[in-house]
Amino acid sequence: MTEQATGAHHPQPRARTGGQPSVTVEHVTGAQSLIRSLEEVGADTVFGIPGGCILPAYDPLMDSTRVRHVLVRHEQGAGHAATGYAQATGKVGVCMATSGPGATNLVTP
């Protein structure tokens, strides 16, 4: 049977030119994507407490030259600080905490 008769399509491998792929792929973690997204929207300050599940996000956050971190004593303080920062500056207010009780404390204010 021919390809037309069976409906099957088997593409032929394409030859590469120059020996190099035309697209370079960069390995980016979720944490790096998070911080890059904050940078792209113009967020320059994050209020929060490191710990547990959010800890991997702190490595790229500390490497960022465009986003600073303000350590707070309690997650509720981070929520209030981010709200006040947004109201006072007109910029994006960002707060971060770990999952579980940390996250529920963020939404309590």
PDB file of N, CA and C in Angstrom:
ATOM      1  N   MET A   1       0.834  -1.181   0.000  1.00  0.00           N
ATOM      2  CA  MET A   1       0.000   0.000   0.000  1.00  0.00           C
ATOM      3  C   MET A   1       0.877   1.241   0.000  1.00  0.00           C
ATOM      4  N   THR A   2       0.362   2.264  -0.579  1.00  0.00           N
ATOM      5  CA  THR A   2       1.106   3.518  -0.610  1.00  0.00           C
ATOM      6  C   THR A   2       0.753   4.362   0.596  1.00  0.00           C
ATOM      7  N   GLU A   3       1.528   5.420   0.795  1.00  0.00           N
ATOM      8  CA  GLU A   3       1.283   6.339   1.907  1.00  0.00           C
ATOM      9  C   GLU A   3      -0.104   6.960   1.800  1.00  0.00           C
ATOM     10  N   GLN A   4      -0.511   7.279   0.575  1.00  0.00           N
ATOM     11  CA  GLN A   4      -1.828   7.880   0.382  1.00  0.00           C
ATOM     12  C   GLN A   4      -2.937   6.904   0.734  1.00  0.00           C
ATOM     13  N   ALA A   5      -2.741   5.643   0.436  1.00  0.00           N
ATOM     14  CA  ALA A   5      -3.772   4.645   0.690  1.00  0.00           C
ATOM     15  C   ALA A   5      -3.936   4.371   2.177  1.00  0.00           C
ATOM     16  N   THR A   6      -2.846   4.371   2.941  1.00  0.00           N
ATOM     17  CA  THR A   6      -2.929   4.061   4.368  1.00  0.00           C
ATOM     18  C   THR A   6      -3.185   5.290   5.211  1.00  0.00           C
ATOM     19  N   GLY A   7      -2.911   6.462   4.690  1.00  0.00           N
ATOM     20  CA  GLY A   7      -3.073   7.686   5.465  1.00  0.00           C
ATOM     21  C   GLY A   7      -1.910   7.938   6.406  1.00  0.00           C
ATOM     22  N   ALA A   8      -0.940   7.043   6.432  1.00  0.00           N
ATOM     23  CA  ALA A   8       0.212   7.207   7.322  1.00  0.00           C
ATOM     24  C   ALA A   8       1.180   8.217   6.726  1.00  0.00           C
ATOM     25  N   HIS A   9       1.818   8.937   7.598  1.00  0.00           N
ATOM     26  CA  HIS A   9       2.809   9.916   7.151  1.00  0.00           C
ATOM     27  C   HIS A   9       4.066   9.717   7.979  1.00  0.00           C
ATOM     28  N   HIS A  10       5.138   9.467   7.314  1.00  0.00           N
ATOM     29  CA  HIS A  10       6.422   9.283   7.985  1.00  0.00           C
ATOM     30  C   HIS A  10       7.377  10.332   7.445  1.00  0.00           C
ATOM     31  N   PRO A  11       7.547  11.422   8.170  1.00  0.00           N
ATOM     32  CA  PRO A  11       8.410  12.486   7.647  1.00  0.00           C
ATOM     33  C   PRO A  11       9.853  12.021   7.534  1.00  0.00           C
ATOM     34  N   GLN A  12      10.504  12.518   6.532  1.00  0.00           N
ATOM     35  CA  GLN A  12      11.907  12.206   6.326  1.00  0.00           C
ATOM     36  C   GLN A  12      12.745  13.067   7.258  1.00  0.00           C
ATOM     37  N   PRO A  13      13.818  12.505   7.818  1.00  0.00           N
ATOM     38  CA  PRO A  13      14.684  13.328   8.666  1.00  0.00           C
ATOM     39  C   PRO A  13      15.306  14.451   7.851  1.00  0.00           C
ATOM     40  N   ARG A  14      15.383  15.613   8.478  1.00  0.00           N
ATOM     41  CA  ARG A  14      15.954  16.770   7.803  1.00  0.00           C
ATOM     42  C   ARG A  14      17.441  16.856   8.096  1.00  0.00           C
ATOM     43  N   ALA A  15      18.185  17.226   7.082  1.00  0.00           N
ATOM     44  CA  ALA A  15      19.622  17.405   7.257  1.00  0.00           C
ATOM     45  C   ALA A  15      19.870  18.744   7.937  1.00  0.00           C
ATOM     46  N   ARG A  16      20.782  18.758   8.869  1.00  0.00           N
ATOM     47  CA  ARG A  16      21.156  20.004   9.546  1.00  0.00           C
ATOM     48  C   ARG A  16      22.242  20.699   8.755  1.00  0.00           C
ATOM     49  N   THR A  17      22.146  21.989   8.728  1.00  0.00           N
ATOM     50  CA  THR A  17      23.171  22.762   8.044  1.00  0.00           C
ATOM     51  C   THR A  17      24.110  23.349   9.076  1.00  0.00           C
ATOM     52  N   GLY A  18      25.373  23.305   8.814  1.00  0.00           N
ATOM     53  CA  GLY A  18      26.355  23.893   9.708  1.00  0.00           C
ATOM     54  C   GLY A  18      26.652  23.064  10.943  1.00  0.00           C
ATOM     55  N   GLY A  19      25.978  21.965  11.133  1.00  0.00           N
ATOM     56  CA  GLY A  19      26.266  21.096  12.265  1.00  0.00           C
ATOM     57  C   GLY A  19      25.734  21.583  13.601  1.00  0.00           C
ATOM     58  N   GLN A  20      25.129  22.763  13.652  1.00  0.00           N
ATOM     59  CA  GLN A  20      24.612  23.316  14.900  1.00  0.00           C
ATOM     60  C   GLN A  20      23.093  23.425  14.823  1.00  0.00           C
ATOM     61  N   PRO A  21      22.417  23.151  15.925  1.00  0.00           N
ATOM     62  CA  PRO A  21      20.971  23.356  15.905  1.00  0.00           C
ATOM     63  C   PRO A  21      20.651  24.842  15.759  1.00  0.00           C
ATOM     64  N   SER A  22      19.528  25.135  15.126  1.00  0.00           N
ATOM     65  CA  SER A  22      19.172  26.530  14.888  1.00  0.00           C
ATOM     66  C   SER A  22      18.620  27.202  16.139  1.00  0.00           C
ATOM     67  N   VAL A  23      18.204  26.412  17.124  1.00  0.00           N
ATOM     68  CA  VAL A  23      17.638  26.961  18.348  1.00  0.00           C
ATOM     69  C   VAL A  23      18.432  26.435  19.533  1.00  0.00           C
ATOM     70  N   THR A  24      18.846  27.326  20.409  1.00  0.00           N
ATOM     71  CA  THR A  24      19.515  26.885  21.626  1.00  0.00           C
ATOM     72  C   THR A  24      18.480  26.791  22.734  1.00  0.00           C
ATOM     73  N   VAL A  25      18.595  25.771  23.538  1.00  0.00           N
ATOM     74  CA  VAL A  25      17.647  25.538  24.611  1.00  0.00           C
ATOM     75  C   VAL A  25      18.335  25.817  25.938  1.00  0.00           C
ATOM     76  N   GLU A  26      17.720  26.667  26.735  1.00  0.00           N
ATOM     77  CA  GLU A  26      18.256  27.005  28.043  1.00  0.00           C
ATOM     78  C   GLU A  26      17.435  26.282  29.102  1.00  0.00           C
ATOM     79  N   HIS A  27      18.109  25.595  30.003  1.00  0.00           N
ATOM     80  CA  HIS A  27      17.416  24.927  31.106  1.00  0.00           C
ATOM     81  C   HIS A  27      17.086  25.971  32.161  1.00  0.00           C
ATOM     82  N   VAL A  28      15.805  26.151  32.430  1.00  0.00           N
ATOM     83  CA  VAL A  28      15.350  27.134  33.403  1.00  0.00           C
ATOM     84  C   VAL A  28      14.457  26.425  34.412  1.00  0.00           C
ATOM     85  N   THR A  29      14.736  26.634  35.683  1.00  0.00           N
ATOM     86  CA  THR A  29      13.912  26.028  36.727  1.00  0.00           C
ATOM     87  C   THR A  29      12.658  26.866  36.958  1.00  0.00           C
ATOM     88  N   GLY A  30      11.712  26.297  37.658  1.00  0.00           N
ATOM     89  CA  GLY A  30      10.511  27.040  38.013  1.00  0.00           C
ATOM     90  C   GLY A  30      10.835  28.248  38.868  1.00  0.00           C
ATOM     91  N   ALA A  31      11.806  28.088  39.758  1.00  0.00           N
ATOM     92  CA  ALA A  31      12.216  29.199  40.623  1.00  0.00           C
ATOM     93  C   ALA A  31      12.809  30.339  39.798  1.00  0.00           C
ATOM     94  N   GLN A  32      13.622  30.005  38.807  1.00  0.00           N
ATOM     95  CA  GLN A  32      14.194  31.034  37.943  1.00  0.00           C
ATOM     96  C   GLN A  32      13.102  31.731  37.130  1.00  0.00           C
ATOM     97  N   SER A  33      12.133  30.955  36.661  1.00  0.00           N
ATOM     98  CA  SER A  33      11.013  31.540  35.914  1.00  0.00           C
ATOM     99  C   SER A  33      10.214  32.501  36.783  1.00  0.00           C
ATOM    100  N   LEU A  34      10.025  32.135  38.041  1.00  0.00           N
ATOM    101  CA  LEU A  34       9.293  32.991  38.973  1.00  0.00           C
ATOM    102  C   LEU A  34       9.973  34.346  39.120  1.00  0.00           C
ATOM    103  N   ILE A  35      11.276  34.329  39.382  1.00  0.00           N
ATOM    104  CA  ILE A  35      12.000  35.584  39.599  1.00  0.00           C
ATOM    105  C   ILE A  35      12.093  36.385  38.306  1.00  0.00           C
ATOM    106  N   ARG A  36      12.307  35.718  37.184  1.00  0.00           N
ATOM    107  CA  ARG A  36      12.336  36.434  35.901  1.00  0.00           C
ATOM    108  C   ARG A  36      10.991  37.094  35.616  1.00  0.00           C
ATOM    109  N   SER A  37       9.915  36.416  35.956  1.00  0.00           N
ATOM    110  CA  SER A  37       8.581  36.991  35.760  1.00  0.00           C
ATOM    111  C   SER A  37       8.391  38.233  36.615  1.00  0.00           C
ATOM    112  N   LEU A  38       8.862  38.171  37.855  1.00  0.00           N
ATOM    113  CA  LEU A  38       8.783  39.346  38.724  1.00  0.00           C
ATOM    114  C   LEU A  38       9.565  40.509  38.127  1.00  0.00           C
ATOM    115  N   GLU A  39      10.751  40.207  37.604  1.00  0.00           N
ATOM    116  CA  GLU A  39      11.567  41.253  36.983  1.00  0.00           C
ATOM    117  C   GLU A  39      10.856  41.858  35.773  1.00  0.00           C
ATOM    118  N   GLU A  40      10.214  41.007  34.969  1.00  0.00           N
ATOM    119  CA  GLU A  40       9.563  41.476  33.746  1.00  0.00           C
ATOM    120  C   GLU A  40       8.356  42.367  34.022  1.00  0.00           C
ATOM    121  N   VAL A  41       7.652  42.129  35.127  1.00  0.00           N
ATOM    122  CA  VAL A  41       6.489  42.972  35.438  1.00  0.00           C
ATOM    123  C   VAL A  41       6.883  44.206  36.234  1.00  0.00           C
ATOM    124  N   GLY A  42       8.164  44.338  36.543  1.00  0.00           N
ATOM    125  CA  GLY A  42       8.645  45.525  37.233  1.00  0.00           C
ATOM    126  C   GLY A  42       8.594  45.455  38.742  1.00  0.00           C
ATOM    127  N   ALA A  43       8.364  44.268  39.286  1.00  0.00           N
ATOM    128  CA  ALA A  43       8.392  44.125  40.743  1.00  0.00           C
ATOM    129  C   ALA A  43       9.832  44.284  41.206  1.00  0.00           C
ATOM    130  N   ASP A  44      10.060  45.176  42.159  1.00  0.00           N
ATOM    131  CA  ASP A  44      11.431  45.392  42.618  1.00  0.00           C
ATOM    132  C   ASP A  44      11.636  45.010  44.075  1.00  0.00           C
ATOM    133  N   THR A  45      10.571  44.642  44.780  1.00  0.00           N
ATOM    134  CA  THR A  45      10.677  44.292  46.191  1.00  0.00           C
ATOM    135  C   THR A  45       9.760  43.114  46.497  1.00  0.00           C
ATOM    136  N   VAL A  46      10.293  42.148  47.245  1.00  0.00           N
ATOM    137  CA  VAL A  46       9.523  40.992  47.698  1.00  0.00           C
ATOM    138  C   VAL A  46       9.611  40.940  49.214  1.00  0.00           C
ATOM    139  N   PHE A  47       8.483  40.823  49.872  1.00  0.00           N
ATOM    140  CA  PHE A  47       8.427  40.677  51.323  1.00  0.00           C
ATOM    141  C   PHE A  47       8.143  39.212  51.628  1.00  0.00           C
ATOM    142  N   GLY A  48       8.906  38.613  52.543  1.00  0.00           N
ATOM    143  CA  GLY A  48       8.633  37.216  52.828  1.00  0.00           C
ATOM    144  C   GLY A  48       9.555  36.579  53.837  1.00  0.00           C
ATOM    145  N   ILE A  49       9.310  35.282  54.008  1.00  0.00           N
ATOM    146  CA  ILE A  49      10.090  34.446  54.914  1.00  0.00           C
ATOM    147  C   ILE A  49      10.491  33.191  54.146  1.00  0.00           C
ATOM    148  N   PRO A  50      11.795  32.883  54.070  1.00  0.00           N
ATOM    149  CA  PRO A  50      12.206  31.652  53.397  1.00  0.00           C
ATOM    150  C   PRO A  50      11.864  30.432  54.242  1.00  0.00           C
ATOM    151  N   GLY A  51      11.626  29.338  53.559  1.00  0.00           N
ATOM    152  CA  GLY A  51      11.391  28.095  54.272  1.00  0.00           C
ATOM    153  C   GLY A  51      10.659  27.084  53.417  1.00  0.00           C
ATOM    154  N   GLY A  52      10.904  25.825  53.706  1.00  0.00           N
ATOM    155  CA  GLY A  52      10.179  24.728  53.076  1.00  0.00           C
ATOM    156  C   GLY A  52      10.172  24.775  51.568  1.00  0.00           C
ATOM    157  N   CYS A  53       8.988  24.703  51.008  1.00  0.00           N
ATOM    158  CA  CYS A  53       8.813  24.574  49.560  1.00  0.00           C
ATOM    159  C   CYS A  53       9.244  25.800  48.761  1.00  0.00           C
ATOM    160  N   ILE A  54       9.245  26.974  49.357  1.00  0.00           N
ATOM    161  CA  ILE A  54       9.604  28.196  48.625  1.00  0.00           C
ATOM    162  C   ILE A  54      11.118  28.430  48.617  1.00  0.00           C
ATOM    163  N   LEU A  55      11.842  27.669  49.397  1.00  0.00           N
ATOM    164  CA  LEU A  55      13.288  27.877  49.540  1.00  0.00           C
ATOM    165  C   LEU A  55      14.049  27.881  48.214  1.00  0.00           C
ATOM    166  N   PRO A  56      13.738  26.998  47.246  1.00  0.00           N
ATOM    167  CA  PRO A  56      14.475  27.055  45.970  1.00  0.00           C
ATOM    168  C   PRO A  56      14.334  28.386  45.238  1.00  0.00           C
ATOM    169  N   ALA A  57      13.266  29.129  45.479  1.00  0.00           N
ATOM    170  CA  ALA A  57      13.085  30.424  44.810  1.00  0.00           C
ATOM    171  C   ALA A  57      14.025  31.483  45.358  1.00  0.00           C
ATOM    172  N   TYR A  58      14.585  31.245  46.521  1.00  0.00           N
ATOM    173  CA  TYR A  58      15.454  32.251  47.127  1.00  0.00           C
ATOM    174  C   TYR A  58      16.839  32.302  46.486  1.00  0.00           C
ATOM    175  N   ASP A  59      17.293  31.220  45.865  1.00  0.00           N
ATOM    176  CA  ASP A  59      18.595  31.263  45.183  1.00  0.00           C
ATOM    177  C   ASP A  59      18.574  32.248  44.018  1.00  0.00           C
ATOM    178  N   PRO A  60      17.644  32.117  43.054  1.00  0.00           N
ATOM    179  CA  PRO A  60      17.629  33.125  41.985  1.00  0.00           C
ATOM    180  C   PRO A  60      17.215  34.511  42.473  1.00  0.00           C
ATOM    181  N   LEU A  61      16.441  34.571  43.550  1.00  0.00           N
ATOM    182  CA  LEU A  61      16.070  35.875  44.107  1.00  0.00           C
ATOM    183  C   LEU A  61      17.308  36.594  44.633  1.00  0.00           C
ATOM    184  N   MET A  62      18.182  35.871  45.312  1.00  0.00           N
ATOM    185  CA  MET A  62      19.401  36.482  45.837  1.00  0.00           C
ATOM    186  C   MET A  62      20.375  36.844  44.718  1.00  0.00           C
ATOM    187  N   ASP A  63      20.292  36.138  43.581  1.00  0.00           N
ATOM    188  CA  ASP A  63      21.154  36.447  42.438  1.00  0.00           C
ATOM    189  C   ASP A  63      20.634  37.631  41.625  1.00  0.00           C
ATOM    190  N   SER A  64      19.374  37.978  41.799  1.00  0.00           N
ATOM    191  CA  SER A  64      18.771  39.058  41.020  1.00  0.00           C
ATOM    192  C   SER A  64      19.317  40.412  41.464  1.00  0.00           C
ATOM    193  N   THR A  65      19.611  41.242  40.492  1.00  0.00           N
ATOM    194  CA  THR A  65      20.045  42.611  40.790  1.00  0.00           C
ATOM    195  C   THR A  65      18.875  43.589  40.698  1.00  0.00           C
ATOM    196  N   ARG A  66      17.709  43.094  40.264  1.00  0.00           N
ATOM    197  CA  ARG A  66      16.549  43.970  40.062  1.00  0.00           C
ATOM    198  C   ARG A  66      15.456  43.782  41.105  1.00  0.00           C
ATOM    199  N   VAL A  67      15.508  42.698  41.862  1.00  0.00           N
ATOM    200  CA  VAL A  67      14.486  42.439  42.876  1.00  0.00           C
ATOM    201  C   VAL A  67      15.179  42.249  44.218  1.00  0.00           C
ATOM    202  N   ARG A  68      14.742  43.012  45.221  1.00  0.00           N
ATOM    203  CA  ARG A  68      15.318  42.867  46.559  1.00  0.00           C
ATOM    204  C   ARG A  68      14.323  42.148  47.462  1.00  0.00           C
ATOM    205  N   HIS A  69      14.841  41.549  48.512  1.00  0.00           N
ATOM    206  CA  HIS A  69      14.010  40.815  49.460  1.00  0.00           C
ATOM    207  C   HIS A  69      14.027  41.521  50.803  1.00  0.00           C
ATOM    208  N   VAL A  70      12.846  41.651  51.401  1.00  0.00           N
ATOM    209  CA  VAL A  70      12.727  42.206  52.742  1.00  0.00           C
ATOM    210  C   VAL A  70      12.238  41.079  53.647  1.00  0.00           C
ATOM    211  N   LEU A  71      13.070  40.699  54.605  1.00  0.00           N
ATOM    212  CA  LEU A  71      12.724  39.632  55.537  1.00  0.00           C
ATOM    213  C   LEU A  71      11.776  40.177  56.597  1.00  0.00           C
ATOM    214  N   VAL A  72      10.651  39.512  56.773  1.00  0.00           N
ATOM    215  CA  VAL A  72       9.673  39.911  57.783  1.00  0.00           C
ATOM    216  C   VAL A  72       9.630  38.846  58.875  1.00  0.00           C
ATOM    217  N   ARG A  73       9.009  39.178  59.998  1.00  0.00           N
ATOM    218  CA  ARG A  73       8.953  38.234  61.121  1.00  0.00           C
ATOM    219  C   ARG A  73       7.792  37.262  61.026  1.00  0.00           C
ATOM    220  N   HIS A  74       6.767  37.610  60.270  1.00  0.00           N
ATOM    221  CA  HIS A  74       5.588  36.760  60.172  1.00  0.00           C
ATOM    222  C   HIS A  74       4.977  36.924  58.784  1.00  0.00           C
ATOM    223  N   GLU A  75       4.353  35.869  58.283  1.00  0.00           N
ATOM    224  CA  GLU A  75       3.758  35.921  56.953  1.00  0.00           C
ATOM    225  C   GLU A  75       2.687  37.005  56.843  1.00  0.00           C
ATOM    226  N   GLN A  76       1.917  37.209  57.903  1.00  0.00           N
ATOM    227  CA  GLN A  76       0.915  38.273  57.860  1.00  0.00           C
ATOM    228  C   GLN A  76       1.576  39.628  57.647  1.00  0.00           C
ATOM    229  N   GLY A  77       2.738  39.814  58.258  1.00  0.00           N
ATOM    230  CA  GLY A  77       3.495  41.047  58.056  1.00  0.00           C
ATOM    231  C   GLY A  77       3.901  41.211  56.606  1.00  0.00           C
ATOM    232  N   ALA A  78       4.249  40.101  55.946  1.00  0.00           N
ATOM    233  CA  ALA A  78       4.610  40.161  54.529  1.00  0.00           C
ATOM    234  C   ALA A  78       3.416  40.598  53.690  1.00  0.00           C
ATOM    235  N   GLY A  79       2.249  40.057  54.008  1.00  0.00           N
ATOM    236  CA  GLY A  79       1.043  40.444  53.280  1.00  0.00           C
ATOM    237  C   GLY A  79       0.705  41.907  53.462  1.00  0.00           C
ATOM    238  N   HIS A  80       0.776  42.377  54.709  1.00  0.00           N
ATOM    239  CA  HIS A  80       0.501  43.791  54.985  1.00  0.00           C
ATOM    240  C   HIS A  80       1.543  44.693  54.324  1.00  0.00           C
ATOM    241  N   ALA A  81       2.809  44.293  54.391  1.00  0.00           N
ATOM    242  CA  ALA A  81       3.875  45.104  53.799  1.00  0.00           C
ATOM    243  C   ALA A  81       3.711  45.204  52.284  1.00  0.00           C
ATOM    244  N   ALA A  82       3.377  44.088  51.631  1.00  0.00           N
ATOM    245  CA  ALA A  82       3.194  44.103  50.178  1.00  0.00           C
ATOM    246  C   ALA A  82       2.006  44.980  49.789  1.00  0.00           C
ATOM    247  N   THR A  83       0.940  44.912  50.577  1.00  0.00           N
ATOM    248  CA  THR A  83      -0.232  45.753  50.312  1.00  0.00           C
ATOM    249  C   THR A  83       0.110  47.232  50.480  1.00  0.00           C
ATOM    250  N   GLY A  84       0.761  47.560  51.582  1.00  0.00           N
ATOM    251  CA  GLY A  84       1.152  48.947  51.828  1.00  0.00           C
ATOM    252  C   GLY A  84       2.124  49.465  50.792  1.00  0.00           C
ATOM    253  N   TYR A  85       3.068  48.622  50.384  1.00  0.00           N
ATOM    254  CA  TYR A  85       4.049  48.999  49.373  1.00  0.00           C
ATOM    255  C   TYR A  85       3.351  49.317  48.051  1.00  0.00           C
ATOM    256  N   ALA A  86       2.405  48.472  47.677  1.00  0.00           N
ATOM    257  CA  ALA A  86       1.680  48.690  46.421  1.00  0.00           C
ATOM    258  C   ALA A  86       0.866  49.978  46.475  1.00  0.00           C
ATOM    259  N   GLN A  87       0.216  50.228  47.603  1.00  0.00           N
ATOM    260  CA  GLN A  87      -0.596  51.439  47.730  1.00  0.00           C
ATOM    261  C   GLN A  87       0.263  52.700  47.761  1.00  0.00           C
ATOM    262  N   ALA A  88       1.406  52.621  48.421  1.00  0.00           N
ATOM    263  CA  ALA A  88       2.268  53.798  48.568  1.00  0.00           C
ATOM    264  C   ALA A  88       3.060  54.120  47.309  1.00  0.00           C
ATOM    265  N   THR A  89       3.450  53.087  46.547  1.00  0.00           N
ATOM    266  CA  THR A  89       4.326  53.309  45.396  1.00  0.00           C
ATOM    267  C   THR A  89       3.627  53.176  44.052  1.00  0.00           C
ATOM    268  N   GLY A  90       2.499  52.481  44.019  1.00  0.00           N
ATOM    269  CA  GLY A  90       1.839  52.204  42.747  1.00  0.00           C
ATOM    270  C   GLY A  90       2.479  51.065  41.990  1.00  0.00           C
ATOM    271  N   LYS A  91       3.458  50.409  42.596  1.00  0.00           N
ATOM    272  CA  LYS A  91       4.136  49.265  41.975  1.00  0.00           C
ATOM    273  C   LYS A  91       3.483  47.967  42.440  1.00  0.00           C
ATOM    274  N   VAL A  92       3.927  46.874  41.855  1.00  0.00           N
ATOM    275  CA  VAL A  92       3.416  45.563  42.236  1.00  0.00           C
ATOM    276  C   VAL A  92       3.903  45.225  43.638  1.00  0.00           C
ATOM    277  N   GLY A  93       2.991  44.823  44.513  1.00  0.00           N
ATOM    278  CA  GLY A  93       3.359  44.360  45.851  1.00  0.00           C
ATOM    279  C   GLY A  93       3.452  42.849  45.853  1.00  0.00           C
ATOM    280  N   VAL A  94       4.581  42.310  46.287  1.00  0.00           N
ATOM    281  CA  VAL A  94       4.805  40.867  46.237  1.00  0.00           C
ATOM    282  C   VAL A  94       5.144  40.347  47.621  1.00  0.00           C
ATOM    283  N   CYS A  95       4.510  39.237  47.999  1.00  0.00           N
ATOM    284  CA  CYS A  95       4.871  38.563  49.247  1.00  0.00           C
ATOM    285  C   CYS A  95       5.040  37.080  48.951  1.00  0.00           C
ATOM    286  N   MET A  96       5.950  36.444  49.674  1.00  0.00           N
ATOM    287  CA  MET A  96       6.241  35.024  49.481  1.00  0.00           C
ATOM    288  C   MET A  96       6.328  34.335  50.829  1.00  0.00           C
ATOM    289  N   ALA A  97       5.826  33.107  50.854  1.00  0.00           N
ATOM    290  CA  ALA A  97       5.945  32.269  52.044  1.00  0.00           C
ATOM    291  C   ALA A  97       5.872  30.823  51.593  1.00  0.00           C
ATOM    292  N   THR A  98       6.166  29.932  52.499  1.00  0.00           N
ATOM    293  CA  THR A  98       6.122  28.519  52.176  1.00  0.00           C
ATOM    294  C   THR A  98       4.677  28.027  52.130  1.00  0.00           C
ATOM    295  N   SER A  99       4.500  26.809  51.699  1.00  0.00           N
ATOM    296  CA  SER A  99       3.158  26.228  51.611  1.00  0.00           C
ATOM    297  C   SER A  99       2.616  25.900  52.999  1.00  0.00           C
ATOM    298  N   GLY A 100       1.364  25.548  53.046  1.00  0.00           N
ATOM    299  CA  GLY A 100       0.739  25.177  54.315  1.00  0.00           C
ATOM    300  C   GLY A 100       0.406  26.384  55.158  1.00  0.00           C
ATOM    301  N   PRO A 101       0.779  26.353  56.445  1.00  0.00           N
ATOM    302  CA  PRO A 101       0.453  27.460  57.340  1.00  0.00           C
ATOM    303  C   PRO A 101       1.038  28.798  56.879  1.00  0.00           C
ATOM    304  N   GLY A 102       2.205  28.761  56.248  1.00  0.00           N
ATOM    305  CA  GLY A 102       2.794  30.006  55.749  1.00  0.00           C
ATOM    306  C   GLY A 102       1.906  30.664  54.710  1.00  0.00           C
ATOM    307  N   ALA A 103       1.372  29.865  53.801  1.00  0.00           N
ATOM    308  CA  ALA A 103       0.500  30.406  52.756  1.00  0.00           C
ATOM    309  C   ALA A 103      -0.817  30.906  53.335  1.00  0.00           C
ATOM    310  N   THR A 104      -1.379  30.178  54.288  1.00  0.00           N
ATOM    311  CA  THR A 104      -2.645  30.640  54.872  1.00  0.00           C
ATOM    312  C   THR A 104      -2.439  31.915  55.682  1.00  0.00           C
ATOM    313  N   ASN A 105      -1.272  32.077  56.274  1.00  0.00           N
ATOM    314  CA  ASN A 105      -0.987  33.322  56.993  1.00  0.00           C
ATOM    315  C   ASN A 105      -0.878  34.514  56.043  1.00  0.00           C
ATOM    316  N   LEU A 106      -0.480  34.266  54.794  1.00  0.00           N
ATOM    317  CA  LEU A 106      -0.409  35.361  53.816  1.00  0.00           C
ATOM    318  C   LEU A 106      -1.789  35.903  53.473  1.00  0.00           C
ATOM    319  N   VAL A 107      -2.777  35.033  53.421  1.00  0.00           N
ATOM    320  CA  VAL A 107      -4.109  35.480  53.007  1.00  0.00           C
ATOM    321  C   VAL A 107      -4.952  35.960  54.182  1.00  0.00           C
ATOM    322  N   THR A 108      -4.439  35.856  55.392  1.00  0.00           N
ATOM    323  CA  THR A 108      -5.181  36.272  56.579  1.00  0.00           C
ATOM    324  C   THR A 108      -5.339  37.788  56.692  1.00  0.00           C
ATOM    325  N   PRO A 109      -4.329  38.602  56.293  1.00  0.00           N
ATOM    326  CA  PRO A 109      -4.500  40.052  56.471  1.00  0.00           C
ATOM    327  C   PRO A 109      -5.756  40.512  55.805  1.00  0.00           C
TER     328      PRO A 109
END
